Amino acid sequence: MGEVLTTMKIMPDSPDVDLEAIKATIESSMPEGAKLHEMSEEPIAFGLVAIILQFITDDGEGGSEPVEEMVSGIEGVASFEITGVGRLM
């Protein structure tokens, strides 16, 4: 079984949301079996900034679902989308 690197774009509710609080929650709440690889910020428009989250999971069944559930439950997160999935060699 290999590992998969998943990239997720997380959109906050508004430009006023504390992105550092969201990032801290992600870091402290990563589900078992998922490893944080990298987090960065991407300016979108009108002061809105997305969080780009990259994480590593096994390529088994369920893959990114635990991380998706965790992110969807964070206060201040409006939406997210998986923007990339690639197998690590």
C-alpha atoms as a PDB file:
ATOM      1  CA  MET A   1       0.000   0.000   0.000  1.00  0.00           C
ATOM      2  CA  GLY A   2       1.319   3.452  -0.898  1.00  0.00           C
ATOM      3  CA  GLU A   3       0.728   6.966   0.299  1.00  0.00           C
ATOM      4  CA  VAL A   4      -1.328   9.716  -1.293  1.00  0.00           C
ATOM      5  CA  LEU A   5      -0.728  13.480  -1.125  1.00  0.00           C
ATOM      6  CA  THR A   6      -4.024  15.374  -1.192  1.00  0.00           C
ATOM      7  CA  THR A   7      -4.352  19.124  -1.718  1.00  0.00           C
ATOM      8  CA  MET A   8      -7.424  20.880  -0.322  1.00  0.00           C
ATOM      9  CA  LYS A   9      -8.501  24.517  -0.737  1.00  0.00           C
ATOM     10  CA  ILE A  10     -10.352  25.766   2.350  1.00  0.00           C
ATOM     11  CA  MET A  11     -12.514  28.888   2.023  1.00  0.00           C
ATOM     12  CA  PRO A  12     -13.339  30.935   5.130  1.00  0.00           C
ATOM     13  CA  ASP A  13     -16.779  32.448   5.841  1.00  0.00           C
ATOM     14  CA  SER A  14     -15.492  35.995   5.340  1.00  0.00           C
ATOM     15  CA  PRO A  15     -12.288  38.051   5.091  1.00  0.00           C
ATOM     16  CA  ASP A  16     -12.624  38.754   8.832  1.00  0.00           C
ATOM     17  CA  VAL A  17     -12.187  35.113   9.909  1.00  0.00           C
ATOM     18  CA  ASP A  18      -9.036  34.399  11.933  1.00  0.00           C
ATOM     19  CA  LEU A  19      -7.050  32.153   9.579  1.00  0.00           C
ATOM     20  CA  GLU A  20      -4.441  31.452  12.248  1.00  0.00           C
ATOM     21  CA  ALA A  21      -7.139  29.968  14.491  1.00  0.00           C
ATOM     22  CA  ILE A  22      -8.348  27.737  11.653  1.00  0.00           C
ATOM     23  CA  LYS A  23      -4.769  26.608  10.932  1.00  0.00           C
ATOM     24  CA  ALA A  24      -4.150  25.859  14.615  1.00  0.00           C
ATOM     25  CA  THR A  25      -7.345  23.799  14.773  1.00  0.00           C
ATOM     26  CA  ILE A  26      -6.307  21.830  11.685  1.00  0.00           C
ATOM     27  CA  GLU A  27      -2.847  21.145  13.120  1.00  0.00           C
ATOM     28  CA  SER A  28      -4.234  19.934  16.437  1.00  0.00           C
ATOM     29  CA  SER A  29      -7.135  17.932  14.968  1.00  0.00           C
ATOM     30  CA  MET A  30      -5.602  15.889  12.149  1.00  0.00           C
ATOM     31  CA  PRO A  31      -7.279  12.471  12.270  1.00  0.00           C
ATOM     32  CA  GLU A  32      -5.351   9.280  12.888  1.00  0.00           C
ATOM     33  CA  GLY A  33      -3.778   8.036   9.685  1.00  0.00           C
ATOM     34  CA  ALA A  34      -3.411  11.520   8.172  1.00  0.00           C
ATOM     35  CA  LYS A  35      -0.204  13.542   8.350  1.00  0.00           C
ATOM     36  CA  LEU A  36      -0.019  17.280   7.786  1.00  0.00           C
ATOM     37  CA  HIS A  37       2.419  17.999   4.961  1.00  0.00           C
ATOM     38  CA  GLU A  38       2.081  21.745   4.382  1.00  0.00           C
ATOM     39  CA  MET A  39      -0.274  24.701   4.840  1.00  0.00           C
ATOM     40  CA  SER A  40      -0.140  27.969   2.945  1.00  0.00           C
ATOM     41  CA  GLU A  41      -2.386  30.893   2.101  1.00  0.00           C
ATOM     42  CA  GLU A  42      -3.718  31.935  -1.298  1.00  0.00           C
ATOM     43  CA  PRO A  43      -5.267  35.385  -1.840  1.00  0.00           C
ATOM     44  CA  ILE A  44      -8.594  35.056  -3.661  1.00  0.00           C
ATOM     45  CA  ALA A  45     -10.291  38.474  -4.012  1.00  0.00           C
ATOM     46  CA  PHE A  46     -11.516  41.445  -1.985  1.00  0.00           C
ATOM     47  CA  GLY A  47      -9.402  40.501   1.038  1.00  0.00           C
ATOM     48  CA  LEU A  48     -10.572  36.878   1.095  1.00  0.00           C
ATOM     49  CA  VAL A  49      -7.722  34.413   1.621  1.00  0.00           C
ATOM     50  CA  ALA A  50      -7.972  30.626   1.211  1.00  0.00           C
ATOM     51  CA  ILE A  51      -5.939  28.085   3.151  1.00  0.00           C
ATOM     52  CA  ILE A  52      -4.184  25.509   0.986  1.00  0.00           C
ATOM     53  CA  LEU A  53      -3.798  22.300   2.985  1.00  0.00           C
ATOM     54  CA  GLN A  54      -1.642  19.393   1.862  1.00  0.00           C
ATOM     55  CA  PHE A  55      -1.826  16.135   3.791  1.00  0.00           C
ATOM     56  CA  ILE A  56      -0.666  12.559   3.384  1.00  0.00           C
ATOM     57  CA  THR A  57      -2.834   9.457   3.864  1.00  0.00           C
ATOM     58  CA  ASP A  58      -2.619   5.791   2.920  1.00  0.00           C
ATOM     59  CA  ASP A  59      -4.163   4.983  -0.442  1.00  0.00           C
ATOM     60  CA  GLY A  60      -6.718   2.651   1.147  1.00  0.00           C
ATOM     61  CA  GLU A  61     -10.473   2.996   1.225  1.00  0.00           C
ATOM     62  CA  GLY A  62     -11.799   6.207   2.771  1.00  0.00           C
ATOM     63  CA  GLY A  63      -8.638   8.181   1.960  1.00  0.00           C
ATOM     64  CA  SER A  64      -9.331  11.833   2.666  1.00  0.00           C
ATOM     65  CA  GLU A  65     -12.810  11.445   4.206  1.00  0.00           C
ATOM     66  CA  PRO A  66     -11.701  11.790   7.868  1.00  0.00           C
ATOM     67  CA  VAL A  67      -9.860  15.023   7.045  1.00  0.00           C
ATOM     68  CA  GLU A  68     -12.829  16.326   5.054  1.00  0.00           C
ATOM     69  CA  GLU A  69     -15.150  15.666   8.006  1.00  0.00           C
ATOM     70  CA  MET A  70     -12.736  17.392  10.406  1.00  0.00           C
ATOM     71  CA  VAL A  71     -12.379  20.485   8.187  1.00  0.00           C
ATOM     72  CA  SER A  72     -16.135  20.780   7.597  1.00  0.00           C
ATOM     73  CA  GLY A  73     -16.681  20.977  11.360  1.00  0.00           C
ATOM     74  CA  ILE A  74     -14.303  23.899  11.961  1.00  0.00           C
ATOM     75  CA  GLU A  75     -15.985  27.183  12.849  1.00  0.00           C
ATOM     76  CA  GLY A  76     -15.298  29.860  10.241  1.00  0.00           C
ATOM     77  CA  VAL A  77     -14.937  27.432   7.313  1.00  0.00           C
ATOM     78  CA  ALA A  78     -17.496  28.088   4.573  1.00  0.00           C
ATOM     79  CA  SER A  79     -16.418  25.379   2.130  1.00  0.00           C
ATOM     80  CA  PHE A  80     -13.537  23.317   0.855  1.00  0.00           C
ATOM     81  CA  GLU A  81     -12.624  21.433  -2.291  1.00  0.00           C
ATOM     82  CA  ILE A  82     -10.079  18.787  -3.136  1.00  0.00           C
ATOM     83  CA  THR A  83      -7.876  20.340  -5.819  1.00  0.00           C
ATOM     84  CA  GLY A  84      -5.337  17.581  -6.244  1.00  0.00           C
ATOM     85  CA  VAL A  85      -4.553  13.980  -5.409  1.00  0.00           C
ATOM     86  CA  GLY A  86      -1.313  12.237  -6.244  1.00  0.00           C
ATOM     87  CA  ARG A  87       0.414   9.043  -5.261  1.00  0.00           C
ATOM     88  CA  LEU A  88       3.771   9.392  -3.515  1.00  0.00           C
ATOM     89  CA  MET A  89       6.577   7.199  -4.765  1.00  0.00           C
END
